[in-house]
Amino acid sequence: MHGVRVELLIKQAESIGIPLYQIRLPEMPDMETYDNAMRQHLKHFKSEGIIHSIFGDIFLEDLKQYRDERLAEVGMKGIYPLWKRNTSELINEFMDLGFGTVIACTQSHLENIIGKEVTPELIKSLPGDVDVCGENGEFHTFAFKGPIFKKEIKYKLGEKVFKEYKSPRSTSDDSILDADEKLSGFWYQDLILA
């Protein structure tokens, strides 16, 4: 979803020392396809004796409700260790602990920060309506170092790409754009294993 190469995710999991379980979805799946895939994989985890799933959500009530409903369908529960924490305090704690992260994907209006590492200076430069942790989907990051990493993941910047998407609609007919319907998009920074 965030445009990060699979080989980087593999290196990240190896460096942290946790197994990586990949769920493959078609590009731009509808919600029914997404829900069915998640249900199938959650049932797999439940059959392995896993009864909890941990999420980094901070304050999006609708997303938490969605996750809890999907988990309840298979008899699992969500754990939200960051829930309702102050995002400014969280990002400062994250940086103070020595984590490093790079911005891999942004909403269209934040092109100027794509591919940049998150630093105190970058956080101070963000517009006032942008959450410093990107909690409203303003940006997404790739963590490449920190106290839980055995070694830092070296990367280099590749191509920067903009992709346009139709804005979500309340109607199920998404075959055409109405005259007043807007396209929105995201910038993706290709991160390449160095």
Protein backbone atom coordinates (compact mmCIF):
# COMPACT_ATOMS: atom_id res chain seq x y z
CA MET A 1 0.00 0.00 0.00
CA HIS A 2 2.82 2.42 0.78
CA GLY A 3 5.01 1.49 -2.16
CA VAL A 4 7.85 -0.03 -0.12
CA ARG A 5 9.73 -2.82 -1.90
CA VAL A 6 9.25 -6.33 -0.50
CA GLU A 7 13.02 -6.84 -0.14
CA LEU A 8 13.13 -3.88 2.26
CA LEU A 9 10.30 -5.34 4.35
CA ILE A 10 12.15 -8.65 4.47
CA LYS A 11 15.37 -6.93 5.62
CA GLN A 12 13.38 -4.98 8.22
CA ALA A 13 11.83 -8.15 9.67
CA GLU A 14 15.22 -9.93 9.67
CA SER A 15 16.93 -7.02 11.42
CA ILE A 16 14.21 -6.83 14.08
CA GLY A 17 14.21 -10.62 14.42
CA ILE A 18 10.54 -11.36 13.81
CA PRO A 19 8.94 -13.63 11.22
CA LEU A 20 7.34 -11.88 8.26
CA TYR A 21 3.93 -13.12 7.11
CA GLN A 22 2.90 -11.54 3.81
CA ILE A 23 -0.66 -11.08 2.64
CA ARG A 24 -0.90 -10.39 -1.09
CA LEU A 25 -3.84 -8.39 -2.41
CA PRO A 26 -4.65 -7.33 -5.97
CA GLU A 27 -3.90 -3.72 -6.82
CA MET A 28 -6.82 -1.50 -5.76
CA PRO A 29 -9.02 -4.25 -4.25
CA ASP A 30 -12.62 -3.47 -3.40
CA MET A 31 -13.64 -3.76 0.26
CA GLU A 32 -15.26 -7.17 -0.22
CA THR A 33 -12.01 -8.62 -1.63
CA TYR A 34 -9.99 -6.95 1.14
CA ASP A 35 -12.33 -8.17 3.90
CA ASN A 36 -12.40 -11.73 2.54
CA ALA A 37 -8.59 -11.90 2.35
CA MET A 38 -8.20 -10.52 5.86
CA ARG A 39 -10.82 -12.90 7.25
CA GLN A 40 -9.05 -15.88 5.67
CA HIS A 41 -5.66 -14.88 7.10
CA LEU A 42 -7.05 -13.99 10.52
CA LYS A 43 -8.66 -17.44 10.68
CA HIS A 44 -5.23 -18.91 9.90
CA PHE A 45 -3.67 -17.01 12.80
CA LYS A 46 -6.49 -18.03 15.12
CA SER A 47 -5.94 -21.69 14.17
CA GLU A 48 -2.28 -21.20 15.19
CA GLY A 49 -3.41 -20.11 18.65
CA ILE A 50 -2.99 -16.36 18.10
CA ILE A 51 -5.84 -14.46 19.74
CA HIS A 52 -4.59 -10.84 19.62
CA SER A 53 -3.43 -8.44 16.92
CA ILE A 54 -1.41 -5.32 17.73
CA PHE A 55 -1.99 -2.04 15.86
CA GLY A 56 -0.22 1.31 15.94
CA ASP A 57 -3.42 3.33 15.57
CA ILE A 58 -3.50 6.47 17.67
CA PHE A 59 -6.84 8.24 17.33
CA LEU A 60 -8.89 7.20 14.29
CA GLU A 61 -12.05 5.84 15.91
CA ASP A 62 -13.59 4.53 12.66
CA LEU A 63 -10.43 2.58 11.78
CA LYS A 64 -10.22 1.07 15.27
CA GLN A 65 -13.90 0.09 15.09
CA TYR A 66 -13.35 -1.50 11.67
CA ARG A 67 -10.36 -3.51 12.93
CA ASP A 68 -12.18 -4.62 16.09
CA GLU A 69 -15.21 -5.76 14.09
CA ARG A 70 -13.06 -7.81 11.67
CA LEU A 71 -11.13 -9.38 14.56
CA ALA A 72 -14.33 -10.19 16.47
CA GLU A 73 -15.62 -12.11 13.44
CA VAL A 74 -12.90 -14.71 14.03
CA GLY A 75 -12.76 -14.50 17.84
CA MET A 76 -9.66 -12.28 18.12
CA LYS A 77 -9.06 -8.97 19.91
CA GLY A 78 -7.08 -5.87 19.04
CA ILE A 79 -4.41 -4.31 21.23
CA TYR A 80 -3.63 -0.60 20.73
CA PRO A 81 -0.60 0.42 22.82
CA LEU A 82 -0.46 3.96 21.33
CA TRP A 83 -4.19 4.67 21.54
CA LYS A 84 -5.01 8.27 22.47
CA ARG A 85 -1.35 9.18 23.03
CA ASN A 86 -0.24 12.69 22.09
CA THR A 87 1.33 12.41 18.62
CA SER A 88 3.90 15.18 19.26
CA GLU A 89 5.10 13.31 22.34
CA LEU A 90 5.13 10.02 20.40
CA ILE A 91 7.26 11.31 17.51
CA ASN A 92 9.71 12.95 19.91
CA GLU A 93 9.96 9.74 21.95
CA PHE A 94 10.47 7.76 18.72
CA MET A 95 13.36 10.00 17.64
CA ASP A 96 14.86 10.23 21.17
CA LEU A 97 15.04 6.42 21.29
CA GLY A 98 17.19 6.49 18.15
CA PHE A 99 14.74 5.25 15.55
CA GLY A 100 15.22 6.41 11.98
CA THR A 101 12.46 6.52 9.40
CA VAL A 102 12.09 7.88 5.89
CA ILE A 103 8.91 9.17 4.24
CA ALA A 104 7.93 6.70 1.53
CA CYS A 105 4.47 7.99 0.55
CA THR A 106 2.62 11.30 0.93
CA GLN A 107 -0.63 12.92 -0.01
CA SER A 108 -0.27 15.06 -3.14
CA HIS A 109 0.14 18.38 -1.33
CA LEU A 110 3.15 17.13 0.66
CA GLU A 111 5.49 16.41 -2.26
CA ASN A 112 8.21 18.51 -0.63
CA ILE A 113 8.77 15.93 2.15
CA ILE A 114 8.76 12.72 0.09
CA GLY A 115 12.02 10.77 0.52
CA LYS A 116 13.13 12.79 3.55
CA GLU A 117 14.09 11.30 6.87
CA VAL A 118 11.94 12.31 9.81
CA THR A 119 13.91 14.75 11.96
CA PRO A 120 12.94 17.40 14.51
CA GLU A 121 13.48 20.02 11.79
CA LEU A 122 11.17 18.25 9.35
CA ILE A 123 8.48 17.87 12.03
CA LYS A 124 8.66 21.61 12.80
CA SER A 125 8.30 22.41 9.08
CA LEU A 126 5.03 20.48 8.62
CA PRO A 127 1.88 22.53 7.98
CA GLY A 128 -0.33 22.94 11.05
CA ASP A 129 -3.06 20.69 9.66
CA VAL A 130 -0.67 17.73 9.20
CA ASP A 131 -0.39 15.29 12.08
CA VAL A 132 3.28 14.80 13.02
CA CYS A 133 2.82 11.01 12.97
CA GLY A 134 0.81 11.07 9.72
CA GLU A 135 -2.13 9.59 11.62
CA ASN A 136 -4.67 10.98 9.14
CA GLY A 137 -2.88 9.30 6.22
CA GLU A 138 -0.90 12.42 5.30
CA PHE A 139 2.29 10.37 4.95
CA HIS A 140 3.66 6.87 5.52
CA THR A 141 7.19 5.90 6.48
CA PHE A 142 9.71 3.08 6.42
CA ALA A 143 11.72 2.54 9.64
CA PHE A 144 15.32 1.60 8.88
CA LYS A 145 17.11 1.79 12.24
CA GLY A 146 16.51 1.85 15.97
CA PRO A 147 17.17 0.06 19.24
CA ILE A 148 15.22 -3.04 18.16
CA PHE A 149 17.18 -3.39 14.89
CA LYS A 150 20.23 -5.69 14.84
CA LYS A 151 21.66 -3.49 12.11
CA GLU A 152 20.59 -0.44 10.16
CA ILE A 153 18.99 -1.05 6.76
CA LYS A 154 20.91 0.93 4.16
CA TYR A 155 18.79 2.34 1.35
CA LYS A 156 19.06 4.84 -1.48
CA LEU A 157 16.40 6.94 -3.13
CA GLY A 158 15.06 5.78 -6.47
CA GLU A 159 12.35 7.24 -8.67
CA LYS A 160 9.62 9.48 -7.28
CA VAL A 161 6.20 8.70 -8.78
CA PHE A 162 2.78 10.36 -8.51
CA LYS A 163 -0.33 8.19 -8.79
CA GLU A 164 -3.84 9.59 -9.14
CA TYR A 165 -6.80 7.90 -7.54
CA LYS A 166 -10.49 8.60 -7.57
CA SER A 167 -11.69 10.03 -4.29
CA PRO A 168 -13.81 7.57 -2.29
CA ARG A 169 -17.52 7.74 -3.13
CA SER A 170 -20.60 6.90 -1.17
CA THR A 171 -22.19 5.17 -4.16
CA SER A 172 -21.17 1.70 -5.28
CA ASP A 173 -20.96 2.73 -8.96
CA ASP A 174 -17.34 3.78 -9.39
CA SER A 175 -17.08 3.19 -13.13
CA ILE A 176 -16.97 6.87 -14.14
CA LEU A 177 -16.12 10.22 -12.63
CA ASP A 178 -18.91 12.72 -12.20
CA ALA A 179 -18.23 16.21 -13.55
CA ASP A 180 -17.71 17.57 -10.03
CA GLU A 181 -15.74 14.56 -8.74
CA LYS A 182 -12.06 15.18 -8.05
CA LEU A 183 -9.02 13.05 -8.48
CA SER A 184 -6.63 12.86 -5.58
CA GLY A 185 -3.24 11.29 -5.46
CA PHE A 186 -0.15 10.22 -3.62
CA TRP A 187 3.57 10.64 -4.15
CA TYR A 188 5.62 7.46 -3.79
CA GLN A 189 9.37 7.46 -3.19
CA ASP A 190 11.02 4.28 -4.39
CA LEU A 191 13.45 3.13 -1.71
CA ILE A 192 16.13 0.80 -3.00
CA LEU A 193 18.28 -1.54 -0.90
CA ALA A 194 21.81 -0.11 -0.90
